[in-house]
Amino acid sequence: MSTAEVKSDRSFGKSVRLRGRTNFLEAVKGKNSRILQGEYCRMAVANFPDRSTRFGITVSRRVGGAVKRNRLKRVIREYLRNNKSLWPGGKTVVISLSNSVEDEKEMTSEIGKMLTGINE
């Protein structure tokens, strides 16, 4: 496998990301959406079989300052990038953090469990 193939397999490009308020609201408050609540995060899942899988990540100011919020978003993106087998097909997923996170590993394992639950 070439370096370009490995890089493209691990990418998390613009086509996979939700951008813009309307896309986030469509996933969170749409007719096809459901909410999963965990200890660290809330996950809104909307079913759009005609679209590819897309992710949005939001982190509330209650979690901490900008540095901490951006770090948590990077950790979540990296987890999603490395675990593409967990991605649900044809769904739009918004991961929202609103509570303080002490352990990033517990947070990512919770996200993994929630994504596994969506696939089943």
N, C-alpha and C. Protein backbone atom coordinates (compact mmCIF):
# COMPACT_ATOMS: atom_id res chain seq x y z
N MET A 1 0.83 -1.17 0.00
CA MET A 1 0.00 0.00 0.00
C MET A 1 0.88 1.24 0.00
N SER A 2 0.60 2.17 -0.88
CA SER A 2 1.43 3.37 -0.98
C SER A 2 1.07 4.37 0.12
N THR A 3 1.91 5.37 0.28
CA THR A 3 1.68 6.40 1.30
C THR A 3 0.41 7.18 1.02
N ALA A 4 0.12 7.44 -0.25
CA ALA A 4 -1.09 8.18 -0.62
C ALA A 4 -2.35 7.38 -0.26
N GLU A 5 -2.30 6.05 -0.46
CA GLU A 5 -3.46 5.22 -0.12
C GLU A 5 -3.69 5.19 1.39
N VAL A 6 -2.62 5.11 2.16
CA VAL A 6 -2.75 5.11 3.62
C VAL A 6 -3.29 6.44 4.09
N LYS A 7 -2.79 7.53 3.53
CA LYS A 7 -3.23 8.86 3.93
C LYS A 7 -4.70 9.07 3.59
N SER A 8 -5.14 8.67 2.41
CA SER A 8 -6.53 8.87 2.03
C SER A 8 -7.46 8.00 2.85
N ASP A 9 -6.99 6.83 3.28
CA ASP A 9 -7.81 5.96 4.10
C ASP A 9 -8.00 6.54 5.49
N ARG A 10 -7.06 7.34 5.97
CA ARG A 10 -7.13 7.91 7.31
C ARG A 10 -7.57 9.36 7.30
N SER A 11 -8.08 9.83 6.19
CA SER A 11 -8.45 11.25 6.12
C SER A 11 -9.79 11.50 6.80
N PHE A 12 -10.00 12.74 7.15
CA PHE A 12 -11.26 13.20 7.73
C PHE A 12 -11.55 14.53 7.06
N GLY A 13 -11.78 14.48 5.76
CA GLY A 13 -11.87 15.67 4.94
C GLY A 13 -13.19 16.41 5.06
N LYS A 14 -13.32 17.45 4.25
CA LYS A 14 -14.50 18.31 4.29
C LYS A 14 -15.77 17.58 3.89
N SER A 15 -15.65 16.55 3.07
CA SER A 15 -16.84 15.82 2.64
C SER A 15 -17.45 15.01 3.78
N VAL A 16 -16.70 14.76 4.83
CA VAL A 16 -17.16 13.97 5.97
C VAL A 16 -17.65 14.88 7.11
N ARG A 17 -17.28 16.15 7.08
CA ARG A 17 -17.61 17.06 8.17
C ARG A 17 -18.91 17.81 7.89
N LEU A 18 -19.67 18.04 8.96
CA LEU A 18 -20.82 18.93 8.87
C LEU A 18 -20.32 20.35 9.00
N ARG A 19 -20.82 21.20 8.15
CA ARG A 19 -20.43 22.60 8.22
C ARG A 19 -21.68 23.44 8.06
N GLY A 20 -21.80 24.45 8.86
CA GLY A 20 -22.94 25.35 8.78
C GLY A 20 -24.05 24.98 9.75
N ARG A 21 -24.70 25.99 10.25
CA ARG A 21 -25.75 25.83 11.24
C ARG A 21 -26.91 24.98 10.74
N THR A 22 -27.32 25.14 9.52
CA THR A 22 -28.48 24.40 9.01
C THR A 22 -28.21 22.90 8.98
N ASN A 23 -27.00 22.50 8.63
CA ASN A 23 -26.67 21.07 8.63
C ASN A 23 -26.70 20.48 10.04
N PHE A 24 -26.20 21.24 11.01
CA PHE A 24 -26.23 20.76 12.39
C PHE A 24 -27.67 20.66 12.89
N LEU A 25 -28.48 21.69 12.63
CA LEU A 25 -29.87 21.67 13.08
C LEU A 25 -30.67 20.56 12.42
N GLU A 26 -30.40 20.29 11.18
CA GLU A 26 -31.07 19.21 10.46
C GLU A 26 -30.81 17.87 11.15
N ALA A 27 -29.60 17.69 11.62
CA ALA A 27 -29.25 16.43 12.29
C ALA A 27 -29.80 16.37 13.71
N VAL A 28 -29.81 17.50 14.41
CA VAL A 28 -30.21 17.51 15.82
C VAL A 28 -31.72 17.57 15.99
N LYS A 29 -32.40 18.38 15.18
CA LYS A 29 -33.83 18.60 15.39
C LYS A 29 -34.70 18.09 14.24
N GLY A 30 -34.12 17.38 13.31
CA GLY A 30 -34.86 16.90 12.15
C GLY A 30 -35.82 15.78 12.48
N LYS A 31 -36.69 15.48 11.53
CA LYS A 31 -37.69 14.42 11.71
C LYS A 31 -37.04 13.04 11.80
N ASN A 32 -35.93 12.85 11.13
CA ASN A 32 -35.27 11.55 11.08
C ASN A 32 -34.25 11.35 12.19
N SER A 33 -34.21 12.25 13.18
CA SER A 33 -33.12 12.18 14.16
C SER A 33 -33.56 11.57 15.48
N ARG A 34 -32.56 11.03 16.17
CA ARG A 34 -32.75 10.53 17.53
C ARG A 34 -31.52 10.92 18.35
N ILE A 35 -31.71 11.03 19.65
CA ILE A 35 -30.65 11.49 20.54
C ILE A 35 -30.22 10.35 21.45
N LEU A 36 -28.92 10.14 21.56
CA LEU A 36 -28.34 9.18 22.50
C LEU A 36 -27.58 9.98 23.55
N GLN A 37 -27.82 9.69 24.82
CA GLN A 37 -27.18 10.43 25.90
C GLN A 37 -26.21 9.53 26.64
N GLY A 38 -25.01 10.03 26.85
CA GLY A 38 -24.00 9.32 27.62
C GLY A 38 -23.55 10.17 28.79
N GLU A 39 -22.56 9.68 29.51
CA GLU A 39 -22.05 10.42 30.66
C GLU A 39 -21.30 11.68 30.21
N TYR A 40 -20.53 11.55 29.15
CA TYR A 40 -19.71 12.67 28.69
C TYR A 40 -20.30 13.42 27.51
N CYS A 41 -21.05 12.73 26.68
CA CYS A 41 -21.49 13.39 25.46
C CYS A 41 -22.93 13.01 25.11
N ARG A 42 -23.46 13.80 24.20
CA ARG A 42 -24.77 13.54 23.61
C ARG A 42 -24.53 13.37 22.12
N MET A 43 -25.20 12.38 21.55
CA MET A 43 -25.01 12.10 20.14
C MET A 43 -26.37 12.17 19.45
N ALA A 44 -26.48 13.04 18.47
CA ALA A 44 -27.69 13.14 17.65
C ALA A 44 -27.41 12.40 16.35
N VAL A 45 -28.31 11.50 15.97
CA VAL A 45 -28.13 10.69 14.78
C VAL A 45 -29.34 10.88 13.88
N ALA A 46 -29.09 11.30 12.66
CA ALA A 46 -30.15 11.45 11.68
C ALA A 46 -29.90 10.48 10.54
N ASN A 47 -30.94 9.83 10.09
CA ASN A 47 -30.82 8.83 9.04
C ASN A 47 -31.10 9.46 7.67
N PHE A 48 -30.09 9.46 6.82
CA PHE A 48 -30.22 9.94 5.44
C PHE A 48 -29.59 8.89 4.53
N PRO A 49 -30.34 7.85 4.12
CA PRO A 49 -29.75 6.75 3.36
C PRO A 49 -29.16 7.17 2.01
N ASP A 50 -29.61 8.28 1.45
CA ASP A 50 -29.11 8.72 0.15
C ASP A 50 -27.81 9.52 0.25
N ARG A 51 -27.34 9.78 1.47
CA ARG A 51 -26.11 10.56 1.68
C ARG A 51 -25.02 9.70 2.29
N SER A 52 -23.81 10.18 2.19
CA SER A 52 -22.70 9.49 2.85
C SER A 52 -22.68 9.89 4.33
N THR A 53 -21.93 9.16 5.11
CA THR A 53 -21.82 9.44 6.54
C THR A 53 -21.09 10.76 6.76
N ARG A 54 -21.65 11.58 7.65
CA ARG A 54 -21.05 12.87 7.97
C ARG A 54 -21.08 13.08 9.47
N PHE A 55 -20.08 13.79 9.99
CA PHE A 55 -19.95 14.04 11.42
C PHE A 55 -19.84 15.52 11.71
N GLY A 56 -20.40 15.92 12.84
CA GLY A 56 -20.25 17.26 13.37
C GLY A 56 -19.87 17.15 14.83
N ILE A 57 -19.03 18.04 15.31
CA ILE A 57 -18.57 18.00 16.69
C ILE A 57 -18.77 19.38 17.30
N THR A 58 -19.45 19.43 18.44
CA THR A 58 -19.61 20.69 19.16
C THR A 58 -19.16 20.48 20.60
N VAL A 59 -18.54 21.52 21.16
CA VAL A 59 -18.09 21.47 22.55
C VAL A 59 -18.52 22.78 23.21
N SER A 60 -19.30 22.67 24.28
CA SER A 60 -19.82 23.82 25.00
C SER A 60 -18.73 24.55 25.76
N ARG A 61 -18.95 25.81 26.00
CA ARG A 61 -18.00 26.61 26.79
C ARG A 61 -17.91 26.13 28.23
N ARG A 62 -18.94 25.43 28.69
CA ARG A 62 -18.92 24.91 30.06
C ARG A 62 -17.82 23.87 30.26
N VAL A 63 -17.35 23.28 29.17
CA VAL A 63 -16.32 22.25 29.25
C VAL A 63 -14.98 22.86 29.65
N GLY A 64 -14.72 24.08 29.19
CA GLY A 64 -13.45 24.73 29.53
C GLY A 64 -13.14 25.83 28.53
N GLY A 65 -11.92 26.30 28.61
CA GLY A 65 -11.47 27.36 27.72
C GLY A 65 -11.27 26.86 26.30
N ALA A 66 -10.90 27.77 25.42
CA ALA A 66 -10.76 27.45 24.01
C ALA A 66 -9.72 26.37 23.76
N VAL A 67 -8.64 26.40 24.50
CA VAL A 67 -7.58 25.41 24.31
C VAL A 67 -8.10 24.01 24.62
N LYS A 68 -8.82 23.87 25.72
CA LYS A 68 -9.36 22.57 26.10
C LYS A 68 -10.43 22.11 25.10
N ARG A 69 -11.32 23.02 24.70
CA ARG A 69 -12.37 22.65 23.74
C ARG A 69 -11.78 22.19 22.41
N ASN A 70 -10.79 22.91 21.92
CA ASN A 70 -10.17 22.52 20.65
C ASN A 70 -9.42 21.20 20.78
N ARG A 71 -8.80 20.97 21.91
CA ARG A 71 -8.10 19.69 22.12
C ARG A 71 -9.10 18.54 22.10
N LEU A 72 -10.23 18.68 22.77
CA LEU A 72 -11.23 17.62 22.79
C LEU A 72 -11.77 17.35 21.38
N LYS A 73 -11.98 18.40 20.61
CA LYS A 73 -12.44 18.20 19.22
C LYS A 73 -11.39 17.45 18.40
N ARG A 74 -10.11 17.78 18.61
CA ARG A 74 -9.04 17.07 17.90
C ARG A 74 -9.00 15.61 18.31
N VAL A 75 -9.19 15.34 19.59
CA VAL A 75 -9.17 13.95 20.08
C VAL A 75 -10.32 13.17 19.46
N ILE A 76 -11.51 13.76 19.40
CA ILE A 76 -12.67 13.07 18.81
C ILE A 76 -12.44 12.83 17.32
N ARG A 77 -11.95 13.84 16.60
CA ARG A 77 -11.68 13.66 15.16
C ARG A 77 -10.66 12.56 14.93
N GLU A 78 -9.62 12.52 15.74
CA GLU A 78 -8.59 11.49 15.60
C GLU A 78 -9.17 10.11 15.88
N TYR A 79 -10.02 10.01 16.89
CA TYR A 79 -10.66 8.73 17.20
C TYR A 79 -11.52 8.28 16.03
N LEU A 80 -12.31 9.18 15.47
CA LEU A 80 -13.16 8.83 14.33
C LEU A 80 -12.32 8.44 13.11
N ARG A 81 -11.23 9.16 12.90
CA ARG A 81 -10.35 8.89 11.77
C ARG A 81 -9.73 7.50 11.88
N ASN A 82 -9.38 7.08 13.08
CA ASN A 82 -8.72 5.80 13.28
C ASN A 82 -9.68 4.63 13.42
N ASN A 83 -10.98 4.89 13.54
CA ASN A 83 -11.97 3.84 13.74
C ASN A 83 -13.09 3.94 12.72
N LYS A 84 -12.73 3.97 11.46
CA LYS A 84 -13.74 4.09 10.40
C LYS A 84 -14.67 2.89 10.34
N SER A 85 -14.27 1.76 10.90
CA SER A 85 -15.13 0.58 10.89
C SER A 85 -16.38 0.80 11.75
N LEU A 86 -16.33 1.75 12.68
CA LEU A 86 -17.48 2.05 13.53
C LEU A 86 -18.47 3.01 12.90
N TRP A 87 -18.10 3.64 11.79
CA TRP A 87 -18.95 4.64 11.17
C TRP A 87 -20.25 4.02 10.68
N PRO A 88 -21.40 4.61 11.04
CA PRO A 88 -22.66 4.11 10.52
C PRO A 88 -22.85 4.58 9.08
N GLY A 89 -23.43 3.75 8.24
CA GLY A 89 -23.63 4.11 6.84
C GLY A 89 -24.88 4.96 6.65
N GLY A 90 -24.77 6.01 5.85
CA GLY A 90 -25.92 6.84 5.50
C GLY A 90 -26.51 7.63 6.65
N LYS A 91 -25.69 8.00 7.61
CA LYS A 91 -26.20 8.74 8.76
C LYS A 91 -25.40 10.02 8.96
N THR A 92 -26.06 11.00 9.53
CA THR A 92 -25.41 12.23 9.94
C THR A 92 -25.35 12.21 11.46
N VAL A 93 -24.16 12.38 12.01
CA VAL A 93 -23.95 12.25 13.45
C VAL A 93 -23.37 13.56 13.99
N VAL A 94 -24.00 14.08 15.05
CA VAL A 94 -23.48 15.25 15.74
C VAL A 94 -23.11 14.83 17.16
N ILE A 95 -21.85 15.00 17.51
CA ILE A 95 -21.36 14.66 18.85
C ILE A 95 -21.20 15.98 19.61
N SER A 96 -21.92 16.09 20.74
CA SER A 96 -21.89 17.32 21.53
C SER A 96 -21.37 17.02 22.93
N LEU A 97 -20.39 17.79 23.35
CA LEU A 97 -19.87 17.70 24.71
C LEU A 97 -20.36 18.92 25.47
N SER A 98 -20.99 18.70 26.62
CA SER A 98 -21.44 19.83 27.41
C SER A 98 -21.01 19.74 28.87
N ASN A 99 -20.46 18.59 29.26
CA ASN A 99 -19.97 18.41 30.62
C ASN A 99 -18.45 18.33 30.61
N SER A 100 -17.86 18.64 31.73
CA SER A 100 -16.41 18.59 31.85
C SER A 100 -15.91 17.15 31.67
N VAL A 101 -14.82 17.01 30.95
CA VAL A 101 -14.24 15.70 30.67
C VAL A 101 -12.93 15.58 31.41
N GLU A 102 -12.87 14.59 32.32
CA GLU A 102 -11.64 14.37 33.07
C GLU A 102 -10.73 13.38 32.35
N ASP A 103 -11.33 12.36 31.75
CA ASP A 103 -10.54 11.29 31.12
C ASP A 103 -10.92 11.16 29.65
N GLU A 104 -9.99 11.51 28.78
CA GLU A 104 -10.26 11.47 27.33
C GLU A 104 -10.48 10.05 26.83
N LYS A 105 -9.80 9.07 27.42
CA LYS A 105 -9.95 7.68 26.99
C LYS A 105 -11.35 7.17 27.29
N GLU A 106 -11.88 7.52 28.45
CA GLU A 106 -13.25 7.12 28.77
C GLU A 106 -14.24 7.77 27.81
N MET A 107 -14.00 9.03 27.47
CA MET A 107 -14.88 9.74 26.54
C MET A 107 -14.87 9.06 25.17
N THR A 108 -13.69 8.72 24.66
CA THR A 108 -13.63 8.09 23.35
C THR A 108 -14.21 6.68 23.37
N SER A 109 -14.04 5.96 24.47
CA SER A 109 -14.65 4.63 24.54
C SER A 109 -16.17 4.74 24.59
N GLU A 110 -16.69 5.76 25.26
CA GLU A 110 -18.14 5.99 25.27
C GLU A 110 -18.64 6.31 23.86
N ILE A 111 -17.91 7.12 23.14
CA ILE A 111 -18.30 7.44 21.76
C ILE A 111 -18.29 6.17 20.92
N GLY A 112 -17.29 5.32 21.10
CA GLY A 112 -17.22 4.06 20.37
C GLY A 112 -18.40 3.16 20.66
N LYS A 113 -18.79 3.07 21.93
CA LYS A 113 -19.95 2.25 22.31
C LYS A 113 -21.23 2.80 21.69
N MET A 114 -21.36 4.11 21.68
CA MET A 114 -22.55 4.72 21.10
C MET A 114 -22.61 4.48 19.59
N LEU A 115 -21.47 4.60 18.92
CA LEU A 115 -21.44 4.35 17.48
C LEU A 115 -21.73 2.90 17.16
N THR A 116 -21.24 1.99 18.00
CA THR A 116 -21.52 0.55 17.82
C THR A 116 -23.02 0.30 17.98
N GLY A 117 -23.65 0.99 18.93
CA GLY A 117 -25.09 0.85 19.14
C GLY A 117 -25.91 1.35 17.97
N ILE A 118 -25.41 2.36 17.29
CA ILE A 118 -26.10 2.89 16.11
C ILE A 118 -26.08 1.86 14.98
N ASN A 119 -24.94 1.18 14.83
CA ASN A 119 -24.79 0.22 13.73
C ASN A 119 -25.66 -1.00 13.88
N GLU A 120 -26.04 -1.33 15.10
CA GLU A 120 -26.82 -2.56 15.32
C GLU A 120 -28.29 -2.34 15.14
